[in-house]
Amino acid sequence: MRCVIARFPFDLIKSDVQESMKGIKPEPVTGESVIIGRRHYPVKQVGEVITGQDRRDFSASEVTRALTRLGFTCRAVPTPAVPPVLTPLETASALLGAPERV
């Protein structure tokens, strides 16, 4: 499949990507990731290996788009759960307990 990463065209094949990532130890995942085989790789690491370009030359979204089109499972950055912010009135009401309804 032909795709463009950092303004350069590449002909990528799923089996070629899998073969090029064999024997490469995954770096710790801190952002977007892709599952190749049973391993989770950072998208930027895979992009660097398959294109031969520096990571600063392309965005993670370019590589994610190409790998998704090839059939790989890509995962976005997990968003942390934010606890709900209560107003002072809601906090006091929660501490006192809700009134019983009849």
PDB file of N, CA and C in Angstrom:
ATOM      1  N   MET A   1       0.841  -1.165   0.000  1.00  0.00           N
ATOM      2  CA  MET A   1       0.000   0.000   0.000  1.00  0.00           C
ATOM      3  C   MET A   1       0.895   1.240   0.000  1.00  0.00           C
ATOM      4  N   ARG A   2       0.558   2.171  -0.828  1.00  0.00           N
ATOM      5  CA  ARG A   2       1.334   3.405  -0.899  1.00  0.00           C
ATOM      6  C   ARG A   2       0.795   4.389   0.128  1.00  0.00           C
ATOM      7  N   CYS A   3       1.707   4.971   0.899  1.00  0.00           N
ATOM      8  CA  CYS A   3       1.321   6.009   1.862  1.00  0.00           C
ATOM      9  C   CYS A   3       2.418   7.057   1.894  1.00  0.00           C
ATOM     10  N   VAL A   4       2.058   8.226   2.372  1.00  0.00           N
ATOM     11  CA  VAL A   4       2.995   9.344   2.446  1.00  0.00           C
ATOM     12  C   VAL A   4       3.256   9.650   3.918  1.00  0.00           C
ATOM     13  N   ILE A   5       4.529   9.614   4.281  1.00  0.00           N
ATOM     14  CA  ILE A   5       4.955   9.949   5.640  1.00  0.00           C
ATOM     15  C   ILE A   5       6.058  10.984   5.515  1.00  0.00           C
ATOM     16  N   ALA A   6       5.861  12.110   6.138  1.00  0.00           N
ATOM     17  CA  ALA A   6       6.813  13.236   6.092  1.00  0.00           C
ATOM     18  C   ALA A   6       7.115  13.646   4.649  1.00  0.00           C
ATOM     19  N   ARG A   7       6.064  13.725   3.841  1.00  0.00           N
ATOM     20  CA  ARG A   7       6.135  14.156   2.445  1.00  0.00           C
ATOM     21  C   ARG A   7       6.909  13.200   1.542  1.00  0.00           C
ATOM     22  N   PHE A   8       7.207  11.990   2.002  1.00  0.00           N
ATOM     23  CA  PHE A   8       7.872  10.996   1.172  1.00  0.00           C
ATOM     24  C   PHE A   8       6.953   9.800   0.976  1.00  0.00           C
ATOM     25  N   PRO A   9       6.827   9.298  -0.255  1.00  0.00           N
ATOM     26  CA  PRO A   9       5.963   8.141  -0.490  1.00  0.00           C
ATOM     27  C   PRO A   9       6.667   6.838  -0.103  1.00  0.00           C
ATOM     28  N   PHE A  10       5.907   5.926   0.486  1.00  0.00           N
ATOM     29  CA  PHE A  10       6.425   4.611   0.865  1.00  0.00           C
ATOM     30  C   PHE A  10       5.421   3.559   0.424  1.00  0.00           C
ATOM     31  N   ASP A  11       5.935   2.438  -0.075  1.00  0.00           N
ATOM     32  CA  ASP A  11       5.102   1.284  -0.381  1.00  0.00           C
ATOM     33  C   ASP A  11       5.267   0.301   0.765  1.00  0.00           C
ATOM     34  N   LEU A  12       4.262   0.228   1.610  1.00  0.00           N
ATOM     35  CA  LEU A  12       4.338  -0.621   2.799  1.00  0.00           C
ATOM     36  C   LEU A  12       3.448  -1.845   2.647  1.00  0.00           C
ATOM     37  N   ILE A  13       3.949  -2.961   3.151  1.00  0.00           N
ATOM     38  CA  ILE A  13       3.203  -4.211   3.188  1.00  0.00           C
ATOM     39  C   ILE A  13       3.241  -4.697   4.629  1.00  0.00           C
ATOM     40  N   LYS A  14       2.106  -5.178   5.115  1.00  0.00           N
ATOM     41  CA  LYS A  14       1.987  -5.580   6.515  1.00  0.00           C
ATOM     42  C   LYS A  14       3.072  -6.584   6.910  1.00  0.00           C
ATOM     43  N   SER A  15       3.308  -7.582   6.088  1.00  0.00           N
ATOM     44  CA  SER A  15       4.312  -8.600   6.413  1.00  0.00           C
ATOM     45  C   SER A  15       5.723  -8.006   6.463  1.00  0.00           C
ATOM     46  N   ASP A  16       5.998  -7.003   5.617  1.00  0.00           N
ATOM     47  CA  ASP A  16       7.307  -6.349   5.640  1.00  0.00           C
ATOM     48  C   ASP A  16       7.505  -5.551   6.934  1.00  0.00           C
ATOM     49  N   VAL A  17       6.434  -4.898   7.383  1.00  0.00           N
ATOM     50  CA  VAL A  17       6.511  -4.145   8.642  1.00  0.00           C
ATOM     51  C   VAL A  17       6.762  -5.109   9.797  1.00  0.00           C
ATOM     52  N   GLN A  18       6.035  -6.231   9.813  1.00  0.00           N
ATOM     53  CA  GLN A  18       6.229  -7.223  10.869  1.00  0.00           C
ATOM     54  C   GLN A  18       7.648  -7.771  10.850  1.00  0.00           C
ATOM     55  N   GLU A  19       8.165  -8.044   9.674  1.00  0.00           N
ATOM     56  CA  GLU A  19       9.522  -8.585   9.539  1.00  0.00           C
ATOM     57  C   GLU A  19      10.572  -7.570  10.003  1.00  0.00           C
ATOM     58  N   SER A  20      10.379  -6.298   9.661  1.00  0.00           N
ATOM     59  CA  SER A  20      11.358  -5.281  10.049  1.00  0.00           C
ATOM     60  C   SER A  20      11.352  -5.017  11.555  1.00  0.00           C
ATOM     61  N   MET A  21      10.247  -5.321  12.239  1.00  0.00           N
ATOM     62  CA  MET A  21      10.179  -5.092  13.683  1.00  0.00           C
ATOM     63  C   MET A  21      10.616  -6.317  14.488  1.00  0.00           C
ATOM     64  N   LYS A  22      10.872  -7.447  13.819  1.00  0.00           N
ATOM     65  CA  LYS A  22      11.340  -8.640  14.527  1.00  0.00           C
ATOM     66  C   LYS A  22      12.708  -8.368  15.131  1.00  0.00           C
ATOM     67  N   GLY A  23      12.870  -8.780  16.370  1.00  0.00           N
ATOM     68  CA  GLY A  23      14.153  -8.613  17.044  1.00  0.00           C
ATOM     69  C   GLY A  23      14.395  -7.224  17.599  1.00  0.00           C
ATOM     70  N   ILE A  24      13.457  -6.315  17.422  1.00  0.00           N
ATOM     71  CA  ILE A  24      13.607  -4.959  17.954  1.00  0.00           C
ATOM     72  C   ILE A  24      12.842  -4.881  19.267  1.00  0.00           C
ATOM     73  N   LYS A  25      13.554  -4.495  20.311  1.00  0.00           N
ATOM     74  CA  LYS A  25      12.953  -4.394  21.637  1.00  0.00           C
ATOM     75  C   LYS A  25      12.082  -3.145  21.713  1.00  0.00           C
ATOM     76  N   PRO A  26      10.822  -3.294  22.145  1.00  0.00           N
ATOM     77  CA  PRO A  26       9.955  -2.119  22.246  1.00  0.00           C
ATOM     78  C   PRO A  26      10.431  -1.161  23.338  1.00  0.00           C
ATOM     79  N   GLU A  27      10.377   0.107  23.026  1.00  0.00           N
ATOM     80  CA  GLU A  27      10.674   1.133  24.026  1.00  0.00           C
ATOM     81  C   GLU A  27       9.446   1.304  24.912  1.00  0.00           C
ATOM     82  N   PRO A  28       9.599   1.915  26.080  1.00  0.00           N
ATOM     83  CA  PRO A  28       8.416   2.154  26.925  1.00  0.00           C
ATOM     84  C   PRO A  28       7.393   3.026  26.185  1.00  0.00           C
ATOM     85  N   VAL A  29       6.144   2.634  26.275  1.00  0.00           N
ATOM     86  CA  VAL A  29       5.068   3.363  25.586  1.00  0.00           C
ATOM     87  C   VAL A  29       4.588   4.499  26.476  1.00  0.00           C
ATOM     88  N   THR A  30       4.714   5.720  25.964  1.00  0.00           N
ATOM     89  CA  THR A  30       4.242   6.886  26.710  1.00  0.00           C
ATOM     90  C   THR A  30       3.171   7.640  25.934  1.00  0.00           C
ATOM     91  N   GLY A  31       3.035   7.344  24.665  1.00  0.00           N
ATOM     92  CA  GLY A  31       2.047   8.028  23.838  1.00  0.00           C
ATOM     93  C   GLY A  31       1.269   7.021  23.025  1.00  0.00           C
ATOM     94  N   GLU A  32       1.060   7.331  21.759  1.00  0.00           N
ATOM     95  CA  GLU A  32       0.327   6.432  20.880  1.00  0.00           C
ATOM     96  C   GLU A  32       1.148   5.168  20.648  1.00  0.00           C
ATOM     97  N   SER A  33       0.454   4.035  20.530  1.00  0.00           N
ATOM     98  CA  SER A  33       1.151   2.766  20.356  1.00  0.00           C
ATOM     99  C   SER A  33       0.480   1.921  19.286  1.00  0.00           C
ATOM    100  N   VAL A  34       1.214   0.912  18.834  1.00  0.00           N
ATOM    101  CA  VAL A  34       0.716  -0.031  17.834  1.00  0.00           C
ATOM    102  C   VAL A  34       1.090  -1.427  18.304  1.00  0.00           C
ATOM    103  N   ILE A  35       0.186  -2.377  18.047  1.00  0.00           N
ATOM    104  CA  ILE A  35       0.446  -3.763  18.418  1.00  0.00           C
ATOM    105  C   ILE A  35       0.939  -4.491  17.178  1.00  0.00           C
ATOM    106  N   ILE A  36       2.160  -5.015  17.275  1.00  0.00           N
ATOM    107  CA  ILE A  36       2.746  -5.810  16.201  1.00  0.00           C
ATOM    108  C   ILE A  36       3.144  -7.141  16.818  1.00  0.00           C
ATOM    109  N   GLY A  37       2.506  -8.205  16.368  1.00  0.00           N
ATOM    110  CA  GLY A  37       2.688  -9.499  17.018  1.00  0.00           C
ATOM    111  C   GLY A  37       2.004  -9.440  18.372  1.00  0.00           C
ATOM    112  N   ARG A  38       2.768  -9.702  19.407  1.00  0.00           N
ATOM    113  CA  ARG A  38       2.224  -9.592  20.769  1.00  0.00           C
ATOM    114  C   ARG A  38       2.819  -8.402  21.517  1.00  0.00           C
ATOM    115  N   ARG A  39       3.556  -7.586  20.821  1.00  0.00           N
ATOM    116  CA  ARG A  39       4.257  -6.480  21.476  1.00  0.00           C
ATOM    117  C   ARG A  39       3.603  -5.134  21.173  1.00  0.00           C
ATOM    118  N   HIS A  40       3.690  -4.242  22.141  1.00  0.00           N
ATOM    119  CA  HIS A  40       3.203  -2.864  21.993  1.00  0.00           C
ATOM    120  C   HIS A  40       4.422  -1.975  21.737  1.00  0.00           C
ATOM    121  N   TYR A  41       4.438  -1.337  20.586  1.00  0.00           N
ATOM    122  CA  TYR A  41       5.528  -0.441  20.220  1.00  0.00           C
ATOM    123  C   TYR A  41       5.026   0.995  20.182  1.00  0.00           C
ATOM    124  N   PRO A  42       5.859   1.966  20.571  1.00  0.00           N
ATOM    125  CA  PRO A  42       5.490   3.357  20.322  1.00  0.00           C
ATOM    126  C   PRO A  42       5.431   3.595  18.808  1.00  0.00           C
ATOM    127  N   VAL A  43       4.457   4.344  18.368  1.00  0.00           N
ATOM    128  CA  VAL A  43       4.261   4.582  16.939  1.00  0.00           C
ATOM    129  C   VAL A  43       5.492   5.244  16.319  1.00  0.00           C
ATOM    130  N   LYS A  44       6.094   6.154  17.034  1.00  0.00           N
ATOM    131  CA  LYS A  44       7.268   6.855  16.511  1.00  0.00           C
ATOM    132  C   LYS A  44       8.441   5.890  16.301  1.00  0.00           C
ATOM    133  N   GLN A  45       8.615   4.906  17.184  1.00  0.00           N
ATOM    134  CA  GLN A  45       9.683   3.924  17.027  1.00  0.00           C
ATOM    135  C   GLN A  45       9.474   3.109  15.749  1.00  0.00           C
ATOM    136  N   VAL A  46       8.248   2.663  15.522  1.00  0.00           N
ATOM    137  CA  VAL A  46       7.938   1.886  14.322  1.00  0.00           C
ATOM    138  C   VAL A  46       8.148   2.743  13.082  1.00  0.00           C
ATOM    139  N   GLY A  47       7.697   3.990  13.135  1.00  0.00           N
ATOM    140  CA  GLY A  47       7.879   4.890  11.993  1.00  0.00           C
ATOM    141  C   GLY A  47       9.335   5.090  11.642  1.00  0.00           C
ATOM    142  N   GLU A  48      10.176   5.206  12.657  1.00  0.00           N
ATOM    143  CA  GLU A  48      11.606   5.390  12.416  1.00  0.00           C
ATOM    144  C   GLU A  48      12.212   4.152  11.755  1.00  0.00           C
ATOM    145  N   VAL A  49      11.791   2.969  12.208  1.00  0.00           N
ATOM    146  CA  VAL A  49      12.341   1.733  11.655  1.00  0.00           C
ATOM    147  C   VAL A  49      11.884   1.520  10.211  1.00  0.00           C
ATOM    148  N   ILE A  50      10.602   1.702   9.938  1.00  0.00           N
ATOM    149  CA  ILE A  50      10.095   1.374   8.605  1.00  0.00           C
ATOM    150  C   ILE A  50      10.417   2.433   7.550  1.00  0.00           C
ATOM    151  N   THR A  51      10.649   3.680   7.978  1.00  0.00           N
ATOM    152  CA  THR A  51      10.953   4.730   6.995  1.00  0.00           C
ATOM    153  C   THR A  51      12.437   5.064   6.926  1.00  0.00           C
ATOM    154  N   GLY A  52      13.165   4.787   7.998  1.00  0.00           N
ATOM    155  CA  GLY A  52      14.579   5.151   8.030  1.00  0.00           C
ATOM    156  C   GLY A  52      14.791   6.635   8.286  1.00  0.00           C
ATOM    157  N   GLN A  53      13.733   7.336   8.663  1.00  0.00           N
ATOM    158  CA  GLN A  53      13.819   8.768   8.923  1.00  0.00           C
ATOM    159  C   GLN A  53      13.945   9.039  10.421  1.00  0.00           C
ATOM    160  N   ASP A  54      14.388  10.220  10.742  1.00  0.00           N
ATOM    161  CA  ASP A  54      14.440  10.651  12.130  1.00  0.00           C
ATOM    162  C   ASP A  54      13.020  10.869  12.640  1.00  0.00           C
ATOM    163  N   ARG A  55      12.784  10.594  13.912  1.00  0.00           N
ATOM    164  CA  ARG A  55      11.443  10.721  14.495  1.00  0.00           C
ATOM    165  C   ARG A  55      10.905  12.142  14.439  1.00  0.00           C
ATOM    166  N   ARG A  56      11.786  13.099  14.400  1.00  0.00           N
ATOM    167  CA  ARG A  56      11.348  14.490  14.375  1.00  0.00           C
ATOM    168  C   ARG A  56      10.808  14.904  13.006  1.00  0.00           C
ATOM    169  N   ASP A  57      11.019  14.053  11.997  1.00  0.00           N
ATOM    170  CA  ASP A  57      10.600  14.395  10.634  1.00  0.00           C
ATOM    171  C   ASP A  57       9.142  14.077  10.345  1.00  0.00           C
ATOM    172  N   PHE A  58       8.493  13.274  11.188  1.00  0.00           N
ATOM    173  CA  PHE A  58       7.106  12.905  10.931  1.00  0.00           C
ATOM    174  C   PHE A  58       6.313  12.947  12.224  1.00  0.00           C
ATOM    175  N   SER A  59       4.995  12.988  12.079  1.00  0.00           N
ATOM    176  CA  SER A  59       4.135  13.012  13.264  1.00  0.00           C
ATOM    177  C   SER A  59       3.626  11.603  13.549  1.00  0.00           C
ATOM    178  N   ALA A  60       3.214  11.381  14.786  1.00  0.00           N
ATOM    179  CA  ALA A  60       2.668  10.081  15.172  1.00  0.00           C
ATOM    180  C   ALA A  60       1.382   9.799  14.418  1.00  0.00           C
ATOM    181  N   SER A  61       0.619  10.829  14.115  1.00  0.00           N
ATOM    182  CA  SER A  61      -0.647  10.605  13.414  1.00  0.00           C
ATOM    183  C   SER A  61      -0.431  10.111  11.987  1.00  0.00           C
ATOM    184  N   GLU A  62       0.648  10.547  11.325  1.00  0.00           N
ATOM    185  CA  GLU A  62       0.944  10.057   9.976  1.00  0.00           C
ATOM    186  C   GLU A  62       1.208   8.553   9.988  1.00  0.00           C
ATOM    187  N   VAL A  63       2.020   8.110  10.945  1.00  0.00           N
ATOM    188  CA  VAL A  63       2.361   6.695  11.037  1.00  0.00           C
ATOM    189  C   VAL A  63       1.150   5.890  11.499  1.00  0.00           C
ATOM    190  N   THR A  64       0.393   6.422  12.452  1.00  0.00           N
ATOM    191  CA  THR A  64      -0.807   5.730  12.932  1.00  0.00           C
ATOM    192  C   THR A  64      -1.790   5.514  11.801  1.00  0.00           C
ATOM    193  N   ARG A  65      -1.991   6.525  10.971  1.00  0.00           N
ATOM    194  CA  ARG A  65      -2.912   6.420   9.833  1.00  0.00           C
ATOM    195  C   ARG A  65      -2.445   5.324   8.869  1.00  0.00           C
ATOM    196  N   ALA A  66      -1.146   5.280   8.577  1.00  0.00           N
ATOM    197  CA  ALA A  66      -0.613   4.277   7.648  1.00  0.00           C
ATOM    198  C   ALA A  66      -0.727   2.871   8.237  1.00  0.00           C
ATOM    199  N   LEU A  67      -0.379   2.709   9.515  1.00  0.00           N
ATOM    200  CA  LEU A  67      -0.424   1.385  10.134  1.00  0.00           C
ATOM    201  C   LEU A  67      -1.863   0.889  10.286  1.00  0.00           C
ATOM    202  N   THR A  68      -2.790   1.789  10.547  1.00  0.00           N
ATOM    203  CA  THR A  68      -4.200   1.405  10.646  1.00  0.00           C
ATOM    204  C   THR A  68      -4.703   0.919   9.296  1.00  0.00           C
ATOM    205  N   ARG A  69      -4.318   1.607   8.228  1.00  0.00           N
ATOM    206  CA  ARG A  69      -4.730   1.184   6.888  1.00  0.00           C
ATOM    207  C   ARG A  69      -4.130  -0.165   6.510  1.00  0.00           C
ATOM    208  N   LEU A  70      -2.970  -0.509   7.100  1.00  0.00           N
ATOM    209  CA  LEU A  70      -2.363  -1.818   6.844  1.00  0.00           C
ATOM    210  C   LEU A  70      -3.029  -2.929   7.650  1.00  0.00           C
ATOM    211  N   GLY A  71      -3.833  -2.545   8.655  1.00  0.00           N
ATOM    212  CA  GLY A  71      -4.544  -3.548   9.443  1.00  0.00           C
ATOM    213  C   GLY A  71      -4.010  -3.755  10.842  1.00  0.00           C
ATOM    214  N   PHE A  72      -3.077  -2.929  11.283  1.00  0.00           N
ATOM    215  CA  PHE A  72      -2.557  -3.029  12.641  1.00  0.00           C
ATOM    216  C   PHE A  72      -3.505  -2.330  13.616  1.00  0.00           C
ATOM    217  N   THR A  73      -3.464  -2.773  14.873  1.00  0.00           N
ATOM    218  CA  THR A  73      -4.267  -2.146  15.919  1.00  0.00           C
ATOM    219  C   THR A  73      -3.441  -1.038  16.559  1.00  0.00           C
ATOM    220  N   CYS A  74      -3.932   0.180  16.463  1.00  0.00           N
ATOM    221  CA  CYS A  74      -3.254   1.331  17.048  1.00  0.00           C
ATOM    222  C   CYS A  74      -4.085   1.851  18.205  1.00  0.00           C
ATOM    223  N   ARG A  75      -3.398   2.304  19.238  1.00  0.00           N
ATOM    224  CA  ARG A  75      -4.079   2.833  20.419  1.00  0.00           C
ATOM    225  C   ARG A  75      -3.619   4.254  20.678  1.00  0.00           C
ATOM    226  N   ALA A  76      -4.579   5.080  21.037  1.00  0.00           N
ATOM    227  CA  ALA A  76      -4.287   6.484  21.338  1.00  0.00           C
ATOM    228  C   ALA A  76      -3.734   6.605  22.752  1.00  0.00           C
ATOM    229  N   VAL A  77      -3.300   7.786  23.085  1.00  0.00           N
ATOM    230  CA  VAL A  77      -2.797   8.065  24.423  1.00  0.00           C
ATOM    231  C   VAL A  77      -3.938   7.892  25.414  1.00  0.00           C
ATOM    232  N   PRO A  78      -3.747   7.076  26.454  1.00  0.00           N
ATOM    233  CA  PRO A  78      -4.828   6.939  27.433  1.00  0.00           C
ATOM    234  C   PRO A  78      -5.028   8.237  28.203  1.00  0.00           C
ATOM    235  N   THR A  79      -6.276   8.637  28.351  1.00  0.00           N
ATOM    236  CA  THR A  79      -6.563   9.860  29.099  1.00  0.00           C
ATOM    237  C   THR A  79      -6.849   9.493  30.552  1.00  0.00           C
ATOM    238  N   PRO A  80      -6.217  10.179  31.483  1.00  0.00           N
ATOM    239  CA  PRO A  80      -6.454   9.869  32.889  1.00  0.00           C
ATOM    240  C   PRO A  80      -7.871  10.259  33.302  1.00  0.00           C
ATOM    241  N   ALA A  81      -8.428   9.482  34.201  1.00  0.00           N
ATOM    242  CA  ALA A  81      -9.776   9.779  34.700  1.00  0.00           C
ATOM    243  C   ALA A  81      -9.703  10.981  35.633  1.00  0.00           C
ATOM    244  N   VAL A  82     -10.538  11.952  35.379  1.00  0.00           N
ATOM    245  CA  VAL A  82     -10.565  13.164  36.185  1.00  0.00           C
ATOM    246  C   VAL A  82     -11.736  13.066  37.156  1.00  0.00           C
ATOM    247  N   PRO A  83     -11.455  13.150  38.457  1.00  0.00           N
ATOM    248  CA  PRO A  83     -12.561  13.097  39.406  1.00  0.00           C
ATOM    249  C   PRO A  83     -13.440  14.340  39.264  1.00  0.00           C
ATOM    250  N   PRO A  84     -14.731  14.205  39.493  1.00  0.00           N
ATOM    251  CA  PRO A  84     -15.607  15.364  39.355  1.00  0.00           C
ATOM    252  C   PRO A  84     -15.289  16.415  40.424  1.00  0.00           C
ATOM    253  N   VAL A  85     -15.336  17.655  40.020  1.00  0.00           N
ATOM    254  CA  VAL A  85     -15.076  18.766  40.940  1.00  0.00           C
ATOM    255  C   VAL A  85     -16.414  19.200  41.530  1.00  0.00           C
ATOM    256  N   LEU A  86     -16.497  19.175  42.854  1.00  0.00           N
ATOM    257  CA  LEU A  86     -17.728  19.545  43.537  1.00  0.00           C
ATOM    258  C   LEU A  86     -17.648  20.981  44.037  1.00  0.00           C
ATOM    259  N   THR A  87     -18.762  21.647  44.007  1.00  0.00           N
ATOM    260  CA  THR A  87     -18.827  22.985  44.587  1.00  0.00           C
ATOM    261  C   THR A  87     -18.841  22.837  46.108  1.00  0.00           C
ATOM    262  N   PRO A  88     -18.555  23.896  46.854  1.00  0.00           N
ATOM    263  CA  PRO A  88     -18.601  23.800  48.313  1.00  0.00           C
ATOM    264  C   PRO A  88     -19.965  23.334  48.830  1.00  0.00           C
ATOM    265  N   LEU A  89     -21.037  23.763  48.202  1.00  0.00           N
ATOM    266  CA  LEU A  89     -22.381  23.353  48.613  1.00  0.00           C
ATOM    267  C   LEU A  89     -22.577  21.850  48.389  1.00  0.00           C
ATOM    268  N   GLU A  90     -22.111  21.343  47.248  1.00  0.00           N
ATOM    269  CA  GLU A  90     -22.232  19.913  46.960  1.00  0.00           C
ATOM    270  C   GLU A  90     -21.374  19.087  47.919  1.00  0.00           C
ATOM    271  N   THR A  91     -20.193  19.598  48.259  1.00  0.00           N
ATOM    272  CA  THR A  91     -19.316  18.897  49.202  1.00  0.00           C
ATOM    273  C   THR A  91     -19.978  18.812  50.577  1.00  0.00           C
ATOM    274  N   ALA A  92     -20.525  19.918  51.057  1.00  0.00           N
ATOM    275  CA  ALA A  92     -21.191  19.932  52.367  1.00  0.00           C
ATOM    276  C   ALA A  92     -22.392  19.015  52.367  1.00  0.00           C
ATOM    277  N   SER A  93     -23.140  19.017  51.270  1.00  0.00           N
ATOM    278  CA  SER A  93     -24.315  18.167  51.172  1.00  0.00           C
ATOM    279  C   SER A  93     -23.909  16.698  51.182  1.00  0.00           C
ATOM    280  N   ALA A  94     -22.819  16.368  50.507  1.00  0.00           N
ATOM    281  CA  ALA A  94     -22.356  14.980  50.475  1.00  0.00           C
ATOM    282  C   ALA A  94     -21.877  14.538  51.858  1.00  0.00           C
ATOM    283  N   LEU A  95     -21.236  15.444  52.611  1.00  0.00           N
ATOM    284  CA  LEU A  95     -20.746  15.100  53.947  1.00  0.00           C
ATOM    285  C   LEU A  95     -21.905  14.896  54.935  1.00  0.00           C
ATOM    286  N   LEU A  96     -22.961  15.691  54.786  1.00  0.00           N
ATOM    287  CA  LEU A  96     -24.095  15.586  55.694  1.00  0.00           C
ATOM    288  C   LEU A  96     -25.028  14.418  55.312  1.00  0.00           C
ATOM    289  N   GLY A  97     -24.933  13.987  54.097  1.00  0.00           N
ATOM    290  CA  GLY A  97     -25.794  12.911  53.643  1.00  0.00           C
ATOM    291  C   GLY A  97     -27.021  13.466  52.950  1.00  0.00           C
ATOM    292  N   ALA A  98     -27.534  12.703  52.051  1.00  0.00           N
ATOM    293  CA  ALA A  98     -28.712  13.140  51.321  1.00  0.00           C
ATOM    294  C   ALA A  98     -29.958  12.966  52.175  1.00  0.00           C
ATOM    295  N   PRO A  99     -30.915  13.880  52.084  1.00  0.00           N
ATOM    296  CA  PRO A  99     -32.137  13.725  52.882  1.00  0.00           C
ATOM    297  C   PRO A  99     -32.950  12.548  52.365  1.00  0.00           C
ATOM    298  N   GLU A 100     -33.664  11.929  53.308  1.00  0.00           N
ATOM    299  CA  GLU A 100     -34.492  10.792  52.934  1.00  0.00           C
ATOM    300  C   GLU A 100     -35.752  11.303  52.275  1.00  0.00           C
ATOM    301  N   ARG A 101     -36.167  10.593  51.244  1.00  0.00           N
ATOM    302  CA  ARG A 101     -37.384  10.984  50.534  1.00  0.00           C
ATOM    303  C   ARG A 101     -38.502  10.044  50.949  1.00  0.00           C
ATOM    304  N   VAL A 102     -39.639  10.620  51.167  1.00  0.00           N
ATOM    305  CA  VAL A 102     -40.792   9.808  51.587  1.00  0.00           C
ATOM    306  C   VAL A 102     -41.766   9.654  50.466  1.00  0.00           C
TER     307      VAL A 102
END
